[in-house]
């Protein structure tokens, strides 16, 4: 759609299922970009959209907690910690396709 004057950003939050897929399609370019990830590792999905005249962007980000700030995430029991010397791996599969 066309840019909208004087619009603010929009945020969308979702709890990810065990296996989650997010896809952005742009029929004007004939392309779609998608990602698949494990909801057990990255349980939240944030979508960000700004459709302003000078800032027209979209973002999709899986994460370990919602972007509500560390203090709020800690209060809600959602802030995940990695201990010193501990490592973790998170798998995300990206794909680009024609639509």
Protein backbone atom coordinates (compact mmCIF):
# COMPACT_ATOMS: atom_id res chain seq x y z
CA UNK A 1 0.00 0.00 0.00
CA UNK A 2 1.00 3.64 -0.31
CA UNK A 3 2.84 5.55 2.44
CA UNK A 4 0.57 7.26 4.99
CA UNK A 5 1.34 10.80 6.20
CA UNK A 6 1.73 11.34 9.97
CA UNK A 7 1.32 7.66 10.91
CA UNK A 8 3.12 6.11 13.87
CA UNK A 9 4.80 2.74 14.11
CA UNK A 10 2.73 -0.37 14.71
CA UNK A 11 3.88 -3.36 16.75
CA UNK A 12 2.44 -6.86 16.69
CA UNK A 13 3.31 -9.64 19.15
CA UNK A 14 2.66 -13.36 18.90
CA UNK A 15 3.46 -16.39 21.02
CA UNK A 16 5.24 -18.78 18.67
CA UNK A 17 4.08 -22.40 18.34
CA UNK A 18 6.55 -25.31 18.53
CA UNK A 19 7.50 -24.74 14.88
CA UNK A 20 6.86 -21.21 13.63
CA UNK A 21 7.00 -19.72 10.16
CA UNK A 22 6.78 -16.04 9.25
CA UNK A 23 6.68 -14.82 5.65
CA UNK A 24 6.66 -11.39 4.02
CA UNK A 25 5.40 -11.17 0.45
CA UNK A 26 5.82 -8.30 -1.98
CA UNK A 27 3.72 -8.90 -5.09
CA UNK A 28 5.25 -5.81 -6.74
CA UNK A 29 8.65 -7.52 -6.79
CA UNK A 30 7.32 -11.06 -7.13
CA UNK A 31 9.34 -12.14 -4.08
CA UNK A 32 8.66 -13.53 -0.63
CA UNK A 33 11.09 -13.86 2.27
CA UNK A 34 10.35 -16.33 5.02
CA UNK A 35 11.84 -17.74 8.19
CA UNK A 36 11.14 -20.90 10.13
CA UNK A 37 12.29 -21.34 13.71
CA UNK A 38 11.67 -23.39 16.83
CA UNK A 39 9.17 -21.75 19.17
CA UNK A 40 10.65 -23.67 22.10
CA UNK A 41 13.98 -21.83 21.58
CA UNK A 42 12.55 -18.47 20.46
CA UNK A 43 9.04 -18.34 21.92
CA UNK A 44 8.00 -14.85 20.79
CA UNK A 45 7.59 -13.18 17.42
CA UNK A 46 7.52 -9.41 17.03
CA UNK A 47 6.33 -7.67 13.90
CA UNK A 48 7.10 -4.00 13.39
CA UNK A 49 5.56 -1.84 10.68
CA UNK A 50 6.14 1.81 9.83
CA UNK A 51 4.25 3.01 6.78
CA UNK A 52 5.22 6.70 6.91
CA UNK A 53 6.21 8.87 3.98
CA UNK A 54 9.88 9.09 4.99
CA UNK A 55 10.16 5.80 6.88
CA UNK A 56 8.42 2.91 5.13
CA UNK A 57 9.73 -0.33 6.62
CA UNK A 58 8.71 -3.66 8.09
CA UNK A 59 10.57 -5.96 10.45
CA UNK A 60 9.97 -9.46 11.81
CA UNK A 61 12.01 -10.73 14.74
CA UNK A 62 11.84 -13.93 16.78
CA UNK A 63 13.09 -13.60 20.34
CA UNK A 64 13.33 -15.07 23.80
CA UNK A 65 10.97 -12.45 25.26
CA UNK A 66 8.73 -9.65 24.04
CA UNK A 67 10.44 -6.27 23.56
CA UNK A 68 8.86 -4.77 26.67
CA UNK A 69 12.16 -3.91 28.35
CA UNK A 70 14.36 -6.04 30.57
CA UNK A 71 12.77 -4.89 33.85
CA UNK A 72 9.26 -5.77 32.67
CA UNK A 73 10.41 -9.10 31.21
CA UNK A 74 12.13 -9.90 34.53
CA UNK A 75 8.96 -9.03 36.50
CA UNK A 76 6.91 -11.30 34.19
CA UNK A 77 9.39 -14.16 34.61
CA UNK A 78 10.26 -14.13 30.89
CA UNK A 79 13.83 -12.82 31.00
CA UNK A 80 16.16 -15.64 30.05
CA UNK A 81 19.75 -15.70 31.29
CA UNK A 82 22.81 -17.42 29.85
CA UNK A 83 25.33 -18.35 32.53
CA UNK A 84 29.03 -17.49 32.24
CA UNK A 85 30.75 -19.94 29.86
CA UNK A 86 27.35 -21.31 28.77
CA UNK A 87 26.57 -21.40 25.06
CA UNK A 88 23.29 -21.74 23.21
CA UNK A 89 22.47 -22.23 19.58
CA UNK A 90 19.29 -21.09 17.89
CA UNK A 91 18.30 -22.31 14.47
CA UNK A 92 16.55 -20.08 11.93
CA UNK A 93 15.97 -21.19 8.35
CA UNK A 94 15.60 -18.34 5.85
CA UNK A 95 14.13 -18.75 2.40
CA UNK A 96 13.45 -16.51 -0.59
CA UNK A 97 10.82 -17.53 -3.12
CA UNK A 98 8.85 -16.23 -6.07
CA UNK A 99 5.19 -15.42 -5.41
